[in-house]
């Protein structure tokens, strides 16, 4: 699965799990944020897509995805990161 498609699948998963993805610019990598009870994933849109995917996979690796439907390519991408 190509990086852009994986990124799109992460965006769909975030929506299903009630996370809002925020794209910002600055001196940061990104990560999970909770503000006033709302969950956000903050990504630096100036970083390459591979960097943004690393942030997304690190966030979703911390969550329970066992009972969530993931397209096989996305599930495999997440599992590969867990092994590294």
N, C-alpha and C. Protein backbone atom coordinates (compact mmCIF):
# COMPACT_ATOMS: atom_id res chain seq x y z
N UNK A 1 0.85 -1.17 0.00
CA UNK A 1 0.00 0.00 0.00
C UNK A 1 0.90 1.24 0.00
N UNK A 2 0.58 2.21 -0.81
CA UNK A 2 1.39 3.43 -0.92
C UNK A 2 1.14 4.35 0.27
N UNK A 3 2.14 5.20 0.53
CA UNK A 3 2.09 6.10 1.69
C UNK A 3 0.83 6.96 1.71
N UNK A 4 0.46 7.51 0.56
CA UNK A 4 -0.73 8.38 0.51
C UNK A 4 -1.99 7.61 0.88
N UNK A 5 -2.11 6.38 0.40
CA UNK A 5 -3.28 5.55 0.71
C UNK A 5 -3.30 5.19 2.19
N UNK A 6 -2.15 4.85 2.75
CA UNK A 6 -2.07 4.54 4.19
C UNK A 6 -2.49 5.76 4.99
N UNK A 7 -2.02 6.93 4.58
CA UNK A 7 -2.38 8.18 5.25
C UNK A 7 -3.90 8.39 5.21
N UNK A 8 -4.50 8.16 4.07
CA UNK A 8 -5.96 8.31 3.94
C UNK A 8 -6.70 7.33 4.84
N UNK A 9 -6.20 6.11 4.95
CA UNK A 9 -6.83 5.12 5.82
C UNK A 9 -6.70 5.51 7.29
N UNK A 10 -5.55 6.08 7.67
CA UNK A 10 -5.40 6.59 9.03
C UNK A 10 -6.41 7.71 9.30
N UNK A 11 -6.63 8.58 8.32
CA UNK A 11 -7.61 9.65 8.49
C UNK A 11 -9.01 9.08 8.71
N UNK A 12 -9.38 8.06 7.94
CA UNK A 12 -10.69 7.42 8.11
C UNK A 12 -10.81 6.78 9.49
N UNK A 13 -9.74 6.12 9.92
CA UNK A 13 -9.74 5.48 11.23
C UNK A 13 -9.88 6.52 12.34
N UNK A 14 -9.20 7.63 12.20
CA UNK A 14 -9.29 8.70 13.19
C UNK A 14 -10.74 9.18 13.32
N UNK A 15 -11.40 9.35 12.22
CA UNK A 15 -12.80 9.79 12.24
C UNK A 15 -13.67 8.76 12.94
N UNK A 16 -13.47 7.47 12.61
CA UNK A 16 -14.26 6.41 13.25
C UNK A 16 -14.04 6.37 14.75
N UNK A 17 -12.85 6.76 15.20
CA UNK A 17 -12.52 6.69 16.63
C UNK A 17 -12.69 8.05 17.32
N UNK A 18 -13.35 8.98 16.63
CA UNK A 18 -13.66 10.31 17.17
C UNK A 18 -12.43 11.15 17.50
N UNK A 19 -11.40 11.01 16.69
CA UNK A 19 -10.23 11.88 16.79
C UNK A 19 -10.32 12.91 15.68
N UNK A 20 -9.92 14.12 15.99
CA UNK A 20 -9.83 15.15 14.97
C UNK A 20 -8.35 15.31 14.62
N UNK A 21 -8.05 15.32 13.34
CA UNK A 21 -6.67 15.53 12.91
C UNK A 21 -6.48 17.00 12.61
N UNK A 22 -5.49 17.58 13.26
CA UNK A 22 -5.16 18.99 13.08
C UNK A 22 -3.82 19.07 12.35
N UNK A 23 -3.78 19.83 11.27
CA UNK A 23 -2.54 20.03 10.52
C UNK A 23 -2.03 21.43 10.82
N UNK A 24 -0.83 21.49 11.39
CA UNK A 24 -0.26 22.77 11.74
C UNK A 24 1.14 22.93 11.17
N UNK A 25 1.68 24.10 11.40
CA UNK A 25 3.04 24.42 10.96
C UNK A 25 3.80 24.91 12.19
N UNK A 26 5.02 24.44 12.36
CA UNK A 26 5.82 24.90 13.49
C UNK A 26 6.99 23.98 13.73
N UNK A 27 7.60 24.16 14.87
CA UNK A 27 8.77 23.37 15.26
C UNK A 27 8.32 22.23 16.16
N UNK A 28 7.60 21.27 15.59
CA UNK A 28 7.10 20.12 16.34
C UNK A 28 6.92 18.96 15.38
N UNK A 29 6.89 17.76 15.95
CA UNK A 29 6.65 16.56 15.14
C UNK A 29 5.17 16.21 15.10
N UNK A 30 4.51 16.32 16.25
CA UNK A 30 3.09 15.99 16.33
C UNK A 30 2.84 14.90 17.35
N UNK A 31 1.57 14.58 17.53
CA UNK A 31 1.20 13.55 18.48
C UNK A 31 -0.23 13.70 18.93
N UNK A 32 -0.56 12.97 19.99
CA UNK A 32 -1.90 12.93 20.54
C UNK A 32 -2.08 14.07 21.54
N UNK A 33 -3.24 14.69 21.51
CA UNK A 33 -3.54 15.81 22.40
C UNK A 33 -5.00 15.71 22.83
N UNK A 34 -5.26 16.01 24.10
CA UNK A 34 -6.63 16.06 24.60
C UNK A 34 -6.85 17.46 25.15
N UNK A 35 -7.87 18.13 24.63
CA UNK A 35 -8.17 19.49 25.06
C UNK A 35 -9.66 19.57 25.36
N UNK A 36 -9.98 19.86 26.61
CA UNK A 36 -11.38 20.00 27.04
C UNK A 36 -12.21 18.77 26.68
N UNK A 37 -11.61 17.60 26.81
CA UNK A 37 -12.33 16.35 26.56
C UNK A 37 -12.37 15.91 25.11
N UNK A 38 -11.84 16.71 24.22
CA UNK A 38 -11.79 16.35 22.80
C UNK A 38 -10.41 15.81 22.47
N UNK A 39 -10.36 14.73 21.69
CA UNK A 39 -9.09 14.11 21.30
C UNK A 39 -8.67 14.61 19.93
N UNK A 40 -7.41 15.00 19.84
CA UNK A 40 -6.83 15.50 18.60
C UNK A 40 -5.54 14.76 18.30
N UNK A 41 -5.27 14.61 17.03
CA UNK A 41 -3.96 14.17 16.57
C UNK A 41 -3.40 15.35 15.81
N UNK A 42 -2.28 15.86 16.29
CA UNK A 42 -1.67 17.04 15.69
C UNK A 42 -0.53 16.59 14.80
N UNK A 43 -0.56 17.04 13.55
CA UNK A 43 0.47 16.70 12.58
C UNK A 43 1.07 17.98 12.00
N UNK A 44 2.36 17.94 11.75
CA UNK A 44 3.04 19.06 11.12
C UNK A 44 2.97 18.88 9.61
N UNK A 45 2.21 19.74 8.94
CA UNK A 45 2.01 19.56 7.51
C UNK A 45 3.24 19.90 6.68
N UNK A 46 4.26 20.48 7.29
CA UNK A 46 5.50 20.77 6.58
C UNK A 46 6.45 19.56 6.57
N UNK A 47 6.16 18.57 7.40
CA UNK A 47 7.00 17.36 7.45
C UNK A 47 6.62 16.44 6.30
N UNK A 48 7.58 15.61 5.85
CA UNK A 48 7.26 14.65 4.78
C UNK A 48 6.19 13.65 5.25
N UNK A 49 5.50 13.07 4.29
CA UNK A 49 4.40 12.15 4.62
C UNK A 49 4.90 10.98 5.47
N UNK A 50 6.12 10.52 5.25
CA UNK A 50 6.66 9.42 6.05
C UNK A 50 6.74 9.80 7.52
N UNK A 51 7.13 11.04 7.80
CA UNK A 51 7.20 11.54 9.18
C UNK A 51 5.80 11.60 9.80
N UNK A 52 4.83 12.07 9.03
CA UNK A 52 3.46 12.14 9.53
C UNK A 52 2.90 10.75 9.78
N UNK A 53 3.26 9.79 8.92
CA UNK A 53 2.83 8.41 9.13
C UNK A 53 3.43 7.84 10.41
N UNK A 54 4.67 8.18 10.72
CA UNK A 54 5.30 7.71 11.97
C UNK A 54 4.53 8.23 13.18
N UNK A 55 4.11 9.48 13.11
CA UNK A 55 3.32 10.05 14.21
C UNK A 55 2.00 9.31 14.33
N UNK A 56 1.32 9.10 13.22
CA UNK A 56 0.03 8.42 13.25
C UNK A 56 0.16 6.99 13.77
N UNK A 57 1.16 6.26 13.30
CA UNK A 57 1.30 4.88 13.75
C UNK A 57 1.66 4.83 15.23
N UNK A 58 2.44 5.80 15.71
CA UNK A 58 2.77 5.80 17.15
C UNK A 58 1.54 6.09 17.99
N UNK A 59 0.65 6.95 17.52
CA UNK A 59 -0.59 7.25 18.24
C UNK A 59 -1.49 6.01 18.25
N UNK A 60 -1.71 5.40 17.11
CA UNK A 60 -2.64 4.28 17.03
C UNK A 60 -2.08 3.01 17.66
N UNK A 61 -0.76 2.91 17.77
CA UNK A 61 -0.17 1.77 18.48
C UNK A 61 -0.49 1.80 19.97
N UNK A 62 -0.82 2.96 20.50
CA UNK A 62 -1.14 3.11 21.92
C UNK A 62 -2.61 2.79 22.21
N UNK A 63 -3.40 2.63 21.17
CA UNK A 63 -4.84 2.43 21.32
C UNK A 63 -5.21 0.97 21.09
N UNK A 64 -6.35 0.57 21.64
CA UNK A 64 -6.86 -0.78 21.44
C UNK A 64 -7.59 -0.85 20.10
N UNK A 65 -6.99 -1.54 19.15
CA UNK A 65 -7.57 -1.65 17.81
C UNK A 65 -8.10 -3.04 17.51
N UNK A 66 -8.08 -3.92 18.50
CA UNK A 66 -8.48 -5.31 18.27
C UNK A 66 -9.89 -5.44 17.72
N UNK A 67 -10.82 -4.66 18.22
CA UNK A 67 -12.22 -4.78 17.80
C UNK A 67 -12.62 -3.73 16.76
N UNK A 68 -11.63 -3.10 16.15
CA UNK A 68 -11.89 -2.10 15.11
C UNK A 68 -11.58 -2.70 13.75
N UNK A 69 -12.43 -2.41 12.77
CA UNK A 69 -12.14 -2.88 11.42
C UNK A 69 -11.09 -1.97 10.82
N UNK A 70 -10.01 -2.58 10.35
CA UNK A 70 -8.96 -1.87 9.62
C UNK A 70 -8.76 -2.58 8.30
N UNK A 71 -8.55 -1.82 7.24
CA UNK A 71 -8.23 -2.49 5.99
C UNK A 71 -6.93 -3.26 6.21
N UNK A 72 -6.79 -4.41 5.59
CA UNK A 72 -5.62 -5.26 5.85
C UNK A 72 -4.27 -4.55 5.70
N UNK A 73 -4.13 -3.69 4.70
CA UNK A 73 -2.86 -2.99 4.51
C UNK A 73 -2.51 -2.08 5.67
N UNK A 74 -3.51 -1.43 6.25
CA UNK A 74 -3.27 -0.55 7.39
C UNK A 74 -2.92 -1.36 8.63
N UNK A 75 -3.65 -2.44 8.86
CA UNK A 75 -3.35 -3.29 10.01
C UNK A 75 -1.93 -3.84 9.91
N UNK A 76 -1.53 -4.25 8.72
CA UNK A 76 -0.17 -4.77 8.52
C UNK A 76 0.87 -3.68 8.76
N UNK A 77 0.61 -2.47 8.30
CA UNK A 77 1.52 -1.34 8.50
C UNK A 77 1.72 -1.08 9.99
N UNK A 78 0.64 -1.12 10.75
CA UNK A 78 0.72 -0.90 12.20
C UNK A 78 1.48 -2.04 12.86
N UNK A 79 1.21 -3.27 12.46
CA UNK A 79 1.90 -4.42 13.06
C UNK A 79 3.40 -4.39 12.75
N UNK A 80 3.77 -3.98 11.55
CA UNK A 80 5.19 -3.88 11.20
C UNK A 80 5.90 -2.90 12.12
N UNK A 81 5.24 -1.80 12.43
CA UNK A 81 5.85 -0.81 13.33
C UNK A 81 6.00 -1.37 14.74
N UNK A 82 5.05 -2.18 15.18
CA UNK A 82 5.13 -2.77 16.52
C UNK A 82 6.34 -3.69 16.64
N UNK A 83 6.71 -4.33 15.54
CA UNK A 83 7.86 -5.24 15.56
C UNK A 83 9.18 -4.50 15.62
N UNK A 84 9.20 -3.25 15.15
CA UNK A 84 10.45 -2.47 15.12
C UNK A 84 10.68 -1.77 16.39
